Amino acid sequence: MRIEQRISQALKRLNNDKYILAIAVGQRATALSCGAAPIFEEDRLSLKYTDTALKEIACGALRIDGFEEK
């Protein structure tokens, strides 16, 4: 999936709030770099931490408090 599509999906899950998305991706990327286990193991070596975090949010595997998909 292209990065633009993944960003679009993630924004839909967060009510199109790009600032919340940036904060969520940043916090998850930091957690991954500090040793947190990624949800999707198959992409662990080929993706950067920010790409992995964005994929987790876009796929709905990682939920952000206060945001429910409608």
N, C-alpha and C. Protein backbone atom coordinates (compact mmCIF):
# COMPACT_ATOMS: atom_id res chain seq x y z
N MET A 1 0.84 -1.17 0.00
CA MET A 1 0.00 0.00 0.00
C MET A 1 0.90 1.25 0.00
N ARG A 2 0.51 2.22 -0.77
CA ARG A 2 1.28 3.46 -0.85
C ARG A 2 1.16 4.26 0.44
N ILE A 3 2.16 5.06 0.71
CA ILE A 3 2.19 5.84 1.94
C ILE A 3 1.03 6.83 2.00
N GLU A 4 0.64 7.38 0.86
CA GLU A 4 -0.47 8.34 0.84
C GLU A 4 -1.77 7.67 1.26
N GLN A 5 -1.99 6.45 0.82
CA GLN A 5 -3.19 5.70 1.18
C GLN A 5 -3.18 5.37 2.68
N ARG A 6 -2.02 5.01 3.18
CA ARG A 6 -1.89 4.66 4.59
C ARG A 6 -2.15 5.89 5.47
N ILE A 7 -1.63 7.03 5.07
CA ILE A 7 -1.87 8.27 5.81
C ILE A 7 -3.35 8.62 5.79
N SER A 8 -3.98 8.47 4.64
CA SER A 8 -5.41 8.76 4.51
C SER A 8 -6.24 7.87 5.43
N GLN A 9 -5.92 6.59 5.48
CA GLN A 9 -6.64 5.66 6.37
C GLN A 9 -6.44 6.04 7.83
N ALA A 10 -5.22 6.39 8.19
CA ALA A 10 -4.93 6.76 9.58
C ALA A 10 -5.67 8.04 9.95
N LEU A 11 -5.72 9.00 9.04
CA LEU A 11 -6.43 10.24 9.31
C LEU A 11 -7.93 10.01 9.49
N LYS A 12 -8.49 9.09 8.72
CA LYS A 12 -9.91 8.77 8.87
C LYS A 12 -10.20 8.23 10.26
N ARG A 13 -9.29 7.44 10.79
CA ARG A 13 -9.47 6.86 12.13
C ARG A 13 -9.36 7.93 13.22
N LEU A 14 -8.69 9.03 12.91
CA LEU A 14 -8.46 10.08 13.90
C LEU A 14 -9.23 11.36 13.57
N ASN A 15 -10.35 11.22 12.91
CA ASN A 15 -11.23 12.35 12.57
C ASN A 15 -10.50 13.45 11.79
N ASN A 16 -9.59 13.04 10.90
CA ASN A 16 -8.83 13.95 10.04
C ASN A 16 -8.02 14.99 10.82
N ASP A 17 -7.55 14.62 12.00
CA ASP A 17 -6.73 15.51 12.81
C ASP A 17 -5.26 15.15 12.60
N LYS A 18 -4.60 15.93 11.74
CA LYS A 18 -3.21 15.61 11.39
C LYS A 18 -2.25 15.82 12.56
N TYR A 19 -2.61 16.70 13.49
CA TYR A 19 -1.74 16.95 14.64
C TYR A 19 -1.75 15.75 15.60
N ILE A 20 -2.92 15.19 15.83
CA ILE A 20 -3.02 14.00 16.68
C ILE A 20 -2.28 12.84 16.02
N LEU A 21 -2.41 12.73 14.70
CA LEU A 21 -1.71 11.66 13.98
C LEU A 21 -0.20 11.81 14.14
N ALA A 22 0.29 13.04 14.00
CA ALA A 22 1.73 13.27 14.14
C ALA A 22 2.23 12.91 15.54
N ILE A 23 1.46 13.29 16.55
CA ILE A 23 1.84 12.97 17.93
C ILE A 23 1.79 11.47 18.17
N ALA A 24 0.74 10.81 17.69
CA ALA A 24 0.59 9.37 17.90
C ALA A 24 1.70 8.59 17.20
N VAL A 25 2.01 8.96 15.97
CA VAL A 25 3.08 8.28 15.24
C VAL A 25 4.42 8.51 15.94
N GLY A 26 4.65 9.72 16.38
CA GLY A 26 5.90 10.02 17.07
C GLY A 26 6.06 9.24 18.36
N GLN A 27 4.99 9.17 19.15
CA GLN A 27 5.07 8.43 20.41
C GLN A 27 5.25 6.94 20.17
N ARG A 28 4.55 6.40 19.19
CA ARG A 28 4.69 4.97 18.92
C ARG A 28 6.08 4.66 18.34
N ALA A 29 6.59 5.54 17.49
CA ALA A 29 7.93 5.33 16.93
C ALA A 29 8.99 5.36 18.04
N THR A 30 8.81 6.25 18.99
CA THR A 30 9.73 6.31 20.12
C THR A 30 9.66 5.02 20.93
N ALA A 31 8.45 4.53 21.17
CA ALA A 31 8.29 3.28 21.91
C ALA A 31 8.95 2.11 21.17
N LEU A 32 8.77 2.08 19.86
CA LEU A 32 9.39 1.01 19.06
C LEU A 32 10.91 1.09 19.12
N SER A 33 11.45 2.30 19.05
CA SER A 33 12.91 2.45 19.08
C SER A 33 13.49 2.10 20.45
N CYS A 34 12.65 2.18 21.49
CA CYS A 34 13.11 1.83 22.84
C CYS A 34 12.90 0.36 23.16
N GLY A 35 12.41 -0.41 22.19
CA GLY A 35 12.31 -1.85 22.40
C GLY A 35 10.92 -2.44 22.43
N ALA A 36 9.88 -1.63 22.25
CA ALA A 36 8.51 -2.17 22.22
C ALA A 36 8.36 -3.11 21.03
N ALA A 37 7.58 -4.14 21.21
CA ALA A 37 7.38 -5.11 20.13
C ALA A 37 6.39 -4.57 19.10
N PRO A 38 6.75 -4.63 17.82
CA PRO A 38 5.81 -4.19 16.79
C PRO A 38 4.66 -5.18 16.66
N ILE A 39 3.51 -4.69 16.27
CA ILE A 39 2.34 -5.55 16.12
C ILE A 39 2.47 -6.44 14.90
N PHE A 40 3.05 -5.89 13.82
CA PHE A 40 3.25 -6.65 12.59
C PHE A 40 4.72 -7.03 12.47
N GLU A 41 5.02 -8.27 12.70
CA GLU A 41 6.42 -8.74 12.71
C GLU A 41 7.04 -8.84 11.32
N GLU A 42 6.24 -9.07 10.29
CA GLU A 42 6.81 -9.33 8.96
C GLU A 42 7.54 -8.13 8.38
N ASP A 43 7.19 -6.91 8.79
CA ASP A 43 7.82 -5.72 8.24
C ASP A 43 8.87 -5.12 9.17
N ARG A 44 9.22 -5.82 10.18
CA ARG A 44 10.07 -5.29 11.23
C ARG A 44 11.43 -4.80 10.72
N LEU A 45 12.02 -5.52 9.82
CA LEU A 45 13.37 -5.16 9.37
C LEU A 45 13.37 -4.22 8.18
N SER A 46 12.29 -4.18 7.41
CA SER A 46 12.30 -3.40 6.19
C SER A 46 11.70 -2.00 6.34
N LEU A 47 10.97 -1.74 7.41
CA LEU A 47 10.33 -0.44 7.60
C LEU A 47 10.99 0.35 8.72
N LYS A 48 10.91 1.66 8.60
CA LYS A 48 11.37 2.53 9.67
C LYS A 48 10.34 2.51 10.78
N TYR A 49 10.72 2.99 11.95
CA TYR A 49 9.80 3.00 13.08
C TYR A 49 8.55 3.82 12.79
N THR A 50 8.71 4.96 12.12
CA THR A 50 7.55 5.79 11.81
C THR A 50 6.61 5.11 10.83
N ASP A 51 7.16 4.38 9.87
CA ASP A 51 6.33 3.64 8.91
C ASP A 51 5.55 2.53 9.62
N THR A 52 6.21 1.86 10.53
CA THR A 52 5.55 0.79 11.29
C THR A 52 4.42 1.36 12.14
N ALA A 53 4.69 2.48 12.81
CA ALA A 53 3.66 3.12 13.65
C ALA A 53 2.47 3.56 12.81
N LEU A 54 2.74 4.15 11.66
CA LEU A 54 1.66 4.59 10.78
C LEU A 54 0.83 3.42 10.28
N LYS A 55 1.49 2.32 9.96
CA LYS A 55 0.76 1.12 9.51
C LYS A 55 -0.13 0.58 10.63
N GLU A 56 0.37 0.56 11.84
CA GLU A 56 -0.41 0.05 12.97
C GLU A 56 -1.65 0.90 13.22
N ILE A 57 -1.51 2.21 13.10
CA ILE A 57 -2.65 3.11 13.30
C ILE A 57 -3.64 2.99 12.15
N ALA A 58 -3.14 2.97 10.92
CA ALA A 58 -4.01 2.91 9.74
C ALA A 58 -4.81 1.61 9.68
N CYS A 59 -4.22 0.52 10.09
CA CYS A 59 -4.90 -0.78 10.05
C CYS A 59 -5.84 -0.98 11.24
N GLY A 60 -5.79 -0.09 12.20
CA GLY A 60 -6.66 -0.21 13.36
C GLY A 60 -6.12 -1.13 14.43
N ALA A 61 -4.89 -1.58 14.28
CA ALA A 61 -4.29 -2.48 15.26
C ALA A 61 -3.87 -1.71 16.52
N LEU A 62 -3.62 -0.43 16.36
CA LEU A 62 -3.21 0.42 17.47
C LEU A 62 -4.28 1.48 17.63
N ARG A 63 -4.92 1.50 18.78
CA ARG A 63 -6.00 2.45 19.02
C ARG A 63 -5.49 3.65 19.79
N ILE A 64 -6.02 4.81 19.47
CA ILE A 64 -5.66 6.04 20.14
C ILE A 64 -6.81 6.40 21.08
N ASP A 65 -6.52 6.64 22.35
CA ASP A 65 -7.56 6.97 23.32
C ASP A 65 -8.33 8.21 22.89
N GLY A 66 -9.64 8.14 22.98
CA GLY A 66 -10.48 9.27 22.65
C GLY A 66 -10.95 9.30 21.22
N PHE A 67 -10.47 8.37 20.39
CA PHE A 67 -10.88 8.33 18.99
C PHE A 67 -11.46 6.97 18.68
N GLU A 68 -12.70 6.94 18.31
CA GLU A 68 -13.39 5.71 17.92
C GLU A 68 -13.76 5.83 16.46
N GLU A 69 -13.57 4.78 15.70
CA GLU A 69 -13.97 4.80 14.30
C GLU A 69 -15.48 4.75 14.23
N LYS A 70 -16.05 5.62 13.41
CA LYS A 70 -17.51 5.71 13.29
C LYS A 70 -18.03 4.85 12.17
